[in-house]
Amino acid sequence: MPAFLPLLNEWDVARTLGRVPHPYTEEMAQEFFDGLEKRRAAGVDFNFAILRKSDREYLGGCGVFLRDERPFELGYWIGKPYWGHGYATEAARAAVQLAMVELKVTKLIAGWFIDNPASGRVLEKLGFVADGIEQRDCVARGHAVPCNKMVLTPELFGVKEAA
Protein backbone atom coordinates (compact mmCIF):
# COMPACT_ATOMS: atom_id res chain seq x y z
CA MET A 1 0.00 0.00 0.00
CA PRO A 2 2.88 2.49 0.42
CA ALA A 3 3.11 3.13 -3.35
CA PHE A 4 -0.67 3.06 -3.89
CA LEU A 5 -1.70 5.78 -1.47
CA PRO A 6 0.34 8.80 -2.63
CA LEU A 7 -0.48 8.12 -6.28
CA LEU A 8 -4.23 7.84 -5.73
CA ASN A 9 -4.25 10.71 -3.23
CA GLU A 10 -3.05 13.14 -5.93
CA TRP A 11 -5.83 15.63 -6.77
CA ASP A 12 -5.19 15.47 -10.52
CA VAL A 13 -5.77 11.69 -10.39
CA ALA A 14 -8.74 11.65 -7.99
CA ARG A 15 -10.65 14.30 -9.98
CA THR A 16 -10.69 12.00 -13.02
CA LEU A 17 -12.34 9.12 -11.13
CA GLY A 18 -15.95 8.73 -10.12
CA ARG A 19 -15.78 6.84 -6.84
CA VAL A 20 -12.49 7.98 -5.28
CA PRO A 21 -12.67 10.63 -2.55
CA HIS A 22 -10.04 13.29 -1.99
CA PRO A 23 -8.15 13.25 0.23
CA TYR A 24 -7.83 9.46 0.08
CA THR A 25 -6.74 8.08 3.44
CA GLU A 26 -4.86 4.98 4.50
CA GLU A 27 -8.06 3.74 6.18
CA MET A 28 -9.97 4.05 2.89
CA ALA A 29 -7.24 2.14 1.07
CA GLN A 30 -7.27 -0.60 3.71
CA GLU A 31 -11.06 -0.92 3.45
CA PHE A 32 -10.78 -1.24 -0.34
CA PHE A 33 -8.11 -3.94 -0.11
CA ASP A 34 -9.91 -5.80 2.69
CA GLY A 35 -12.98 -6.30 0.48
CA LEU A 36 -11.15 -7.08 -2.75
CA GLU A 37 -11.04 -10.90 -2.47
CA LYS A 38 -14.67 -11.06 -1.36
CA ARG A 39 -15.79 -8.97 -4.35
CA ARG A 40 -13.67 -11.06 -6.72
CA ALA A 41 -15.05 -14.32 -5.30
CA ALA A 42 -18.58 -12.94 -5.80
CA GLY A 43 -17.72 -12.28 -9.46
CA VAL A 44 -18.45 -8.55 -9.25
CA ASP A 45 -14.99 -6.93 -9.14
CA PHE A 46 -11.77 -7.90 -10.88
CA ASN A 47 -9.20 -5.24 -9.94
CA PHE A 48 -5.48 -5.48 -10.64
CA ALA A 49 -2.38 -3.46 -9.84
CA ILE A 50 -0.55 -1.97 -12.82
CA LEU A 51 3.17 -2.65 -12.48
CA ARG A 52 5.90 -1.54 -14.87
CA LYS A 53 7.44 -4.63 -16.48
CA SER A 54 11.05 -3.50 -16.21
CA ASP A 55 11.20 -2.89 -12.45
CA ARG A 56 7.77 -3.89 -11.05
CA GLU A 57 7.14 -0.30 -9.91
CA TYR A 58 3.51 0.36 -8.96
CA LEU A 59 1.86 2.66 -11.52
CA GLY A 60 -1.89 2.48 -10.86
CA GLY A 61 -4.91 0.19 -11.01
CA CYS A 62 -7.23 -1.31 -13.59
CA GLY A 63 -10.14 -3.70 -13.71
CA VAL A 64 -13.71 -4.52 -14.59
CA PHE A 65 -16.59 -4.44 -12.14
CA LEU A 66 -20.35 -4.73 -11.84
CA ARG A 67 -22.31 -1.90 -10.27
CA ASP A 68 -26.07 -1.73 -9.84
CA GLU A 69 -27.95 -3.25 -12.79
CA ARG A 70 -25.44 -2.09 -15.40
CA PRO A 71 -23.16 -4.27 -17.55
CA PHE A 72 -19.55 -4.80 -16.53
CA GLU A 73 -17.65 -1.51 -16.49
CA LEU A 74 -13.98 -0.89 -17.23
CA GLY A 75 -12.09 1.39 -14.88
CA TYR A 76 -8.44 2.40 -14.67
CA TRP A 77 -6.15 5.03 -13.22
CA ILE A 78 -2.45 5.82 -13.54
CA GLY A 79 -0.35 7.81 -11.09
CA LYS A 80 0.42 11.28 -12.44
CA PRO A 81 4.20 10.73 -12.78
CA TYR A 82 3.44 7.94 -15.27
CA TRP A 83 0.91 9.71 -17.51
CA GLY A 84 1.54 9.78 -21.25
CA HIS A 85 3.56 6.57 -21.55
CA GLY A 86 0.85 4.18 -22.79
CA TYR A 87 0.47 2.33 -19.49
CA ALA A 88 -3.29 2.94 -19.25
CA THR A 89 -3.90 1.60 -22.76
CA GLU A 90 -1.80 -1.50 -22.15
CA ALA A 91 -3.45 -2.25 -18.80
CA ALA A 92 -6.96 -1.52 -20.05
CA ARG A 93 -6.41 -3.81 -23.05
CA ALA A 94 -5.53 -6.67 -20.66
CA ALA A 95 -8.62 -5.99 -18.52
CA VAL A 96 -10.87 -5.92 -21.61
CA GLN A 97 -9.32 -9.18 -22.80
CA LEU A 98 -10.12 -10.74 -19.41
CA ALA A 99 -13.70 -9.49 -19.57
CA MET A 100 -14.37 -10.56 -23.16
CA VAL A 101 -12.53 -13.89 -23.22
CA GLU A 102 -12.53 -15.23 -19.65
CA LEU A 103 -15.73 -13.69 -18.27
CA LYS A 104 -17.59 -13.92 -21.62
CA VAL A 105 -18.88 -10.34 -21.26
CA THR A 106 -20.98 -9.37 -24.29
CA LYS A 107 -21.04 -5.64 -23.55
CA LEU A 108 -18.54 -3.55 -21.60
CA ILE A 109 -19.14 0.06 -20.65
CA ALA A 110 -16.78 2.86 -19.62
CA GLY A 111 -16.85 6.60 -19.26
CA TRP A 112 -14.59 9.62 -19.22
CA PHE A 113 -15.22 13.05 -17.77
CA ILE A 114 -15.33 15.72 -20.48
CA ASP A 115 -12.27 17.44 -19.03
CA ASN A 116 -10.17 14.26 -19.31
CA PRO A 117 -9.82 13.63 -23.07
CA ALA A 118 -6.70 11.48 -22.56
CA SER A 119 -8.95 8.82 -21.05
CA GLY A 120 -11.22 9.06 -24.07
CA ARG A 121 -8.24 8.39 -26.34
CA VAL A 122 -7.40 5.25 -24.34
CA LEU A 123 -10.92 3.93 -24.81
CA GLU A 124 -10.99 4.76 -28.52
CA LYS A 125 -7.72 2.85 -29.06
CA LEU A 126 -9.44 -0.24 -27.60
CA GLY A 127 -12.43 0.07 -29.93
CA PHE A 128 -14.97 1.67 -27.58
CA VAL A 129 -17.58 3.81 -29.32
CA ALA A 130 -19.54 6.79 -28.03
CA ASP A 131 -22.90 6.09 -26.38
CA GLY A 132 -24.03 9.55 -25.26
CA ILE A 133 -23.28 11.90 -22.40
CA GLU A 134 -24.59 11.72 -18.84
CA GLN A 135 -24.01 13.48 -15.55
CA ARG A 136 -21.92 11.17 -13.37
CA ASP A 137 -21.00 11.73 -9.74
CA CYS A 138 -17.40 12.53 -8.92
CA VAL A 139 -16.83 11.98 -5.21
CA ALA A 140 -13.53 13.91 -5.16
CA ARG A 141 -15.13 17.01 -6.72
CA GLY A 142 -18.29 16.69 -4.65
CA HIS A 143 -20.70 17.04 -7.58
CA ALA A 144 -21.79 15.47 -10.86
CA VAL A 145 -19.67 16.06 -13.95
CA PRO A 146 -20.58 15.58 -17.64
CA CYS A 147 -19.31 12.15 -18.63
CA ASN A 148 -18.92 10.64 -22.08
CA LYS A 149 -20.42 7.15 -22.03
CA MET A 150 -18.65 4.51 -24.12
CA VAL A 151 -19.50 0.94 -25.06
CA LEU A 152 -17.51 -2.02 -26.36
CA THR A 153 -18.65 -5.38 -27.71
CA PRO A 154 -16.49 -8.41 -28.50
CA GLU A 155 -16.89 -7.62 -32.20
CA LEU A 156 -15.61 -4.06 -31.76
CA PHE A 157 -12.68 -5.35 -29.68
CA GLY A 158 -11.86 -8.03 -32.23
CA VAL A 159 -12.58 -11.12 -30.12
CA LYS A 160 -13.23 -14.10 -32.38
CA GLU A 161 -15.69 -16.84 -31.46
CA ALA A 162 -14.12 -20.29 -31.07
CA ALA A 163 -15.07 -22.63 -33.93
C-alpha atoms as a PDB file:
ATOM      1  CA  MET A   1       0.000   0.000   0.000  1.00  0.00           C
ATOM      2  CA  PRO A   2       2.876   2.493   0.422  1.00  0.00           C
ATOM      3  CA  ALA A   3       3.108   3.132  -3.353  1.00  0.00           C
ATOM      4  CA  PHE A   4      -0.669   3.057  -3.889  1.00  0.00           C
ATOM      5  CA  LEU A   5      -1.700   5.779  -1.466  1.00  0.00           C
ATOM      6  CA  PRO A   6       0.341   8.800  -2.626  1.00  0.00           C
ATOM      7  CA  LEU A   7      -0.484   8.122  -6.283  1.00  0.00           C
ATOM      8  CA  LEU A   8      -4.229   7.844  -5.730  1.00  0.00           C
ATOM      9  CA  ASN A   9      -4.255  10.713  -3.228  1.00  0.00           C
ATOM     10  CA  GLU A  10      -3.046  13.138  -5.934  1.00  0.00           C
ATOM     11  CA  TRP A  11      -5.834  15.635  -6.771  1.00  0.00           C
ATOM     12  CA  ASP A  12      -5.190  15.470 -10.525  1.00  0.00           C
ATOM     13  CA  VAL A  13      -5.772  11.692 -10.389  1.00  0.00           C
ATOM     14  CA  ALA A  14      -8.742  11.647  -7.992  1.00  0.00           C
ATOM     15  CA  ARG A  15     -10.645  14.302  -9.979  1.00  0.00           C
ATOM     16  CA  THR A  16     -10.691  12.003 -13.024  1.00  0.00           C
ATOM     17  CA  LEU A  17     -12.341   9.123 -11.127  1.00  0.00           C
ATOM     18  CA  GLY A  18     -15.955   8.728 -10.122  1.00  0.00           C
ATOM     19  CA  ARG A  19     -15.780   6.840  -6.836  1.00  0.00           C
ATOM     20  CA  VAL A  20     -12.492   7.980  -5.278  1.00  0.00           C
ATOM     21  CA  PRO A  21     -12.674  10.630  -2.551  1.00  0.00           C
ATOM     22  CA  HIS A  22     -10.037  13.292  -1.995  1.00  0.00           C
ATOM     23  CA  PRO A  23      -8.150  13.252   0.226  1.00  0.00           C
ATOM     24  CA  TYR A  24      -7.834   9.460   0.082  1.00  0.00           C
ATOM     25  CA  THR A  25      -6.736   8.084   3.443  1.00  0.00           C
ATOM     26  CA  GLU A  26      -4.858   4.978   4.496  1.00  0.00           C
ATOM     27  CA  GLU A  27      -8.055   3.740   6.184  1.00  0.00           C
ATOM     28  CA  MET A  28      -9.972   4.046   2.891  1.00  0.00           C
ATOM     29  CA  ALA A  29      -7.244   2.137   1.072  1.00  0.00           C
ATOM     30  CA  GLN A  30      -7.273  -0.605   3.714  1.00  0.00           C
ATOM     31  CA  GLU A  31     -11.056  -0.924   3.448  1.00  0.00           C
ATOM     32  CA  PHE A  32     -10.782  -1.240  -0.343  1.00  0.00           C
ATOM     33  CA  PHE A  33      -8.108  -3.943  -0.110  1.00  0.00           C
ATOM     34  CA  ASP A  34      -9.912  -5.800   2.687  1.00  0.00           C
ATOM     35  CA  GLY A  35     -12.976  -6.300   0.482  1.00  0.00           C
ATOM     36  CA  LEU A  36     -11.148  -7.081  -2.748  1.00  0.00           C
ATOM     37  CA  GLU A  37     -11.042 -10.895  -2.470  1.00  0.00           C
ATOM     38  CA  LYS A  38     -14.672 -11.060  -1.356  1.00  0.00           C
ATOM     39  CA  ARG A  39     -15.795  -8.970  -4.345  1.00  0.00           C
ATOM     40  CA  ARG A  40     -13.672 -11.055  -6.722  1.00  0.00           C
ATOM     41  CA  ALA A  41     -15.052 -14.323  -5.300  1.00  0.00           C
ATOM     42  CA  ALA A  42     -18.578 -12.936  -5.798  1.00  0.00           C
ATOM     43  CA  GLY A  43     -17.722 -12.285  -9.465  1.00  0.00           C
ATOM     44  CA  VAL A  44     -18.445  -8.548  -9.253  1.00  0.00           C
ATOM     45  CA  ASP A  45     -14.990  -6.928  -9.142  1.00  0.00           C
ATOM     46  CA  PHE A  46     -11.771  -7.901 -10.885  1.00  0.00           C
ATOM     47  CA  ASN A  47      -9.201  -5.241  -9.941  1.00  0.00           C
ATOM     48  CA  PHE A  48      -5.481  -5.484 -10.639  1.00  0.00           C
ATOM     49  CA  ALA A  49      -2.376  -3.463  -9.843  1.00  0.00           C
ATOM     50  CA  ILE A  50      -0.548  -1.972 -12.816  1.00  0.00           C
ATOM     51  CA  LEU A  51       3.168  -2.650 -12.482  1.00  0.00           C
ATOM     52  CA  ARG A  52       5.898  -1.538 -14.867  1.00  0.00           C
ATOM     53  CA  LYS A  53       7.441  -4.631 -16.480  1.00  0.00           C
ATOM     54  CA  SER A  54      11.052  -3.502 -16.207  1.00  0.00           C
ATOM     55  CA  ASP A  55      11.202  -2.891 -12.451  1.00  0.00           C
ATOM     56  CA  ARG A  56       7.775  -3.888 -11.054  1.00  0.00           C
ATOM     57  CA  GLU A  57       7.139  -0.304  -9.908  1.00  0.00           C
ATOM     58  CA  TYR A  58       3.512   0.355  -8.955  1.00  0.00           C
ATOM     59  CA  LEU A  59       1.858   2.663 -11.520  1.00  0.00           C
ATOM     60  CA  GLY A  60      -1.892   2.478 -10.863  1.00  0.00           C
ATOM     61  CA  GLY A  61      -4.907   0.192 -11.011  1.00  0.00           C
ATOM     62  CA  CYS A  62      -7.228  -1.311 -13.592  1.00  0.00           C
ATOM     63  CA  GLY A  63     -10.140  -3.703 -13.711  1.00  0.00           C
ATOM     64  CA  VAL A  64     -13.711  -4.520 -14.589  1.00  0.00           C
ATOM     65  CA  PHE A  65     -16.592  -4.444 -12.142  1.00  0.00           C
ATOM     66  CA  LEU A  66     -20.351  -4.731 -11.845  1.00  0.00           C
ATOM     67  CA  ARG A  67     -22.311  -1.903 -10.268  1.00  0.00           C
ATOM     68  CA  ASP A  68     -26.073  -1.734  -9.838  1.00  0.00           C
ATOM     69  CA  GLU A  69     -27.947  -3.248 -12.787  1.00  0.00           C
ATOM     70  CA  ARG A  70     -25.439  -2.088 -15.400  1.00  0.00           C
ATOM     71  CA  PRO A  71     -23.165  -4.274 -17.554  1.00  0.00           C
ATOM     72  CA  PHE A  72     -19.551  -4.801 -16.534  1.00  0.00           C
ATOM     73  CA  GLU A  73     -17.652  -1.505 -16.491  1.00  0.00           C
ATOM     74  CA  LEU A  74     -13.982  -0.893 -17.228  1.00  0.00           C
ATOM     75  CA  GLY A  75     -12.090   1.393 -14.876  1.00  0.00           C
ATOM     76  CA  TYR A  76      -8.441   2.403 -14.668  1.00  0.00           C
ATOM     77  CA  TRP A  77      -6.152   5.026 -13.224  1.00  0.00           C
ATOM     78  CA  ILE A  78      -2.454   5.818 -13.542  1.00  0.00           C
ATOM     79  CA  GLY A  79      -0.354   7.814 -11.094  1.00  0.00           C
ATOM     80  CA  LYS A  80       0.418  11.285 -12.445  1.00  0.00           C
ATOM     81  CA  PRO A  81       4.201  10.726 -12.784  1.00  0.00           C
ATOM     82  CA  TYR A  82       3.439   7.938 -15.275  1.00  0.00           C
ATOM     83  CA  TRP A  83       0.915   9.708 -17.514  1.00  0.00           C
ATOM     84  CA  GLY A  84       1.535   9.782 -21.252  1.00  0.00           C
ATOM     85  CA  HIS A  85       3.562   6.565 -21.549  1.00  0.00           C
ATOM     86  CA  GLY A  86       0.849   4.181 -22.792  1.00  0.00           C
ATOM     87  CA  TYR A  87       0.471   2.334 -19.488  1.00  0.00           C
ATOM     88  CA  ALA A  88      -3.286   2.939 -19.254  1.00  0.00           C
ATOM     89  CA  THR A  89      -3.898   1.603 -22.759  1.00  0.00           C
ATOM     90  CA  GLU A  90      -1.802  -1.505 -22.146  1.00  0.00           C
ATOM     91  CA  ALA A  91      -3.451  -2.254 -18.801  1.00  0.00           C
ATOM     92  CA  ALA A  92      -6.965  -1.521 -20.045  1.00  0.00           C
ATOM     93  CA  ARG A  93      -6.412  -3.815 -23.048  1.00  0.00           C
ATOM     94  CA  ALA A  94      -5.527  -6.668 -20.662  1.00  0.00           C
ATOM     95  CA  ALA A  95      -8.620  -5.992 -18.524  1.00  0.00           C
ATOM     96  CA  VAL A  96     -10.872  -5.919 -21.609  1.00  0.00           C
ATOM     97  CA  GLN A  97      -9.317  -9.185 -22.802  1.00  0.00           C
ATOM     98  CA  LEU A  98     -10.121 -10.744 -19.411  1.00  0.00           C
ATOM     99  CA  ALA A  99     -13.703  -9.490 -19.574  1.00  0.00           C
ATOM    100  CA  MET A 100     -14.374 -10.558 -23.156  1.00  0.00           C
ATOM    101  CA  VAL A 101     -12.530 -13.892 -23.220  1.00  0.00           C
ATOM    102  CA  GLU A 102     -12.527 -15.230 -19.655  1.00  0.00           C
ATOM    103  CA  LEU A 103     -15.725 -13.692 -18.266  1.00  0.00           C
ATOM    104  CA  LYS A 104     -17.592 -13.920 -21.622  1.00  0.00           C
ATOM    105  CA  VAL A 105     -18.882 -10.345 -21.261  1.00  0.00           C
ATOM    106  CA  THR A 106     -20.981  -9.365 -24.290  1.00  0.00           C
ATOM    107  CA  LYS A 107     -21.041  -5.640 -23.549  1.00  0.00           C
ATOM    108  CA  LEU A 108     -18.542  -3.552 -21.601  1.00  0.00           C
ATOM    109  CA  ILE A 109     -19.137   0.065 -20.653  1.00  0.00           C
ATOM    110  CA  ALA A 110     -16.780   2.861 -19.621  1.00  0.00           C
ATOM    111  CA  GLY A 111     -16.848   6.604 -19.264  1.00  0.00           C
ATOM    112  CA  TRP A 112     -14.595   9.619 -19.216  1.00  0.00           C
ATOM    113  CA  PHE A 113     -15.222  13.051 -17.775  1.00  0.00           C
ATOM    114  CA  ILE A 114     -15.327  15.717 -20.485  1.00  0.00           C
ATOM    115  CA  ASP A 115     -12.273  17.444 -19.026  1.00  0.00           C
ATOM    116  CA  ASN A 116     -10.169  14.265 -19.311  1.00  0.00           C
ATOM    117  CA  PRO A 117      -9.822  13.630 -23.068  1.00  0.00           C
ATOM    118  CA  ALA A 118      -6.701  11.483 -22.559  1.00  0.00           C
ATOM    119  CA  SER A 119      -8.945   8.823 -21.049  1.00  0.00           C
ATOM    120  CA  GLY A 120     -11.223   9.063 -24.071  1.00  0.00           C
ATOM    121  CA  ARG A 121      -8.244   8.390 -26.341  1.00  0.00           C
ATOM    122  CA  VAL A 122      -7.396   5.249 -24.338  1.00  0.00           C
ATOM    123  CA  LEU A 123     -10.923   3.930 -24.806  1.00  0.00           C
ATOM    124  CA  GLU A 124     -10.991   4.757 -28.517  1.00  0.00           C
ATOM    125  CA  LYS A 125      -7.718   2.849 -29.057  1.00  0.00           C
ATOM    126  CA  LEU A 126      -9.442  -0.235 -27.604  1.00  0.00           C
ATOM    127  CA  GLY A 127     -12.429   0.069 -29.932  1.00  0.00           C
ATOM    128  CA  PHE A 128     -14.966   1.673 -27.582  1.00  0.00           C
ATOM    129  CA  VAL A 129     -17.584   3.811 -29.319  1.00  0.00           C
ATOM    130  CA  ALA A 130     -19.543   6.793 -28.025  1.00  0.00           C
ATOM    131  CA  ASP A 131     -22.897   6.087 -26.380  1.00  0.00           C
ATOM    132  CA  GLY A 132     -24.035   9.552 -25.261  1.00  0.00           C
ATOM    133  CA  ILE A 133     -23.283  11.901 -22.400  1.00  0.00           C
ATOM    134  CA  GLU A 134     -24.593  11.723 -18.837  1.00  0.00           C
ATOM    135  CA  GLN A 135     -24.009  13.484 -15.548  1.00  0.00           C
ATOM    136  CA  ARG A 136     -21.916  11.172 -13.365  1.00  0.00           C
ATOM    137  CA  ASP A 137     -21.004  11.731  -9.736  1.00  0.00           C
ATOM    138  CA  CYS A 138     -17.397  12.532  -8.917  1.00  0.00           C
ATOM    139  CA  VAL A 139     -16.835  11.983  -5.205  1.00  0.00           C
ATOM    140  CA  ALA A 140     -13.527  13.913  -5.160  1.00  0.00           C
ATOM    141  CA  ARG A 141     -15.134  17.008  -6.716  1.00  0.00           C
ATOM    142  CA  GLY A 142     -18.293  16.692  -4.648  1.00  0.00           C
ATOM    143  CA  HIS A 143     -20.699  17.036  -7.584  1.00  0.00           C
ATOM    144  CA  ALA A 144     -21.787  15.466 -10.859  1.00  0.00           C
ATOM    145  CA  VAL A 145     -19.667  16.058 -13.951  1.00  0.00           C
ATOM    146  CA  PRO A 146     -20.579  15.585 -17.635  1.00  0.00           C
ATOM    147  CA  CYS A 147     -19.307  12.149 -18.628  1.00  0.00           C
ATOM    148  CA  ASN A 148     -18.917  10.641 -22.080  1.00  0.00           C
ATOM    149  CA  LYS A 149     -20.420   7.152 -22.031  1.00  0.00           C
ATOM    150  CA  MET A 150     -18.648   4.514 -24.115  1.00  0.00           C
ATOM    151  CA  VAL A 151     -19.505   0.937 -25.058  1.00  0.00           C
ATOM    152  CA  LEU A 152     -17.511  -2.018 -26.363  1.00  0.00           C
ATOM    153  CA  THR A 153     -18.653  -5.380 -27.706  1.00  0.00           C
ATOM    154  CA  PRO A 154     -16.493  -8.415 -28.497  1.00  0.00           C
ATOM    155  CA  GLU A 155     -16.889  -7.622 -32.205  1.00  0.00           C
ATOM    156  CA  LEU A 156     -15.611  -4.064 -31.759  1.00  0.00           C
ATOM    157  CA  PHE A 157     -12.680  -5.345 -29.678  1.00  0.00           C
ATOM    158  CA  GLY A 158     -11.857  -8.027 -32.225  1.00  0.00           C
ATOM    159  CA  VAL A 159     -12.582 -11.120 -30.121  1.00  0.00           C
ATOM    160  CA  LYS A 160     -13.233 -14.104 -32.379  1.00  0.00           C
ATOM    161  CA  GLU A 161     -15.685 -16.843 -31.459  1.00  0.00           C
ATOM    162  CA  ALA A 162     -14.122 -20.288 -31.068  1.00  0.00           C
ATOM    163  CA  ALA A 163     -15.066 -22.626 -33.935  1.00  0.00           C
END
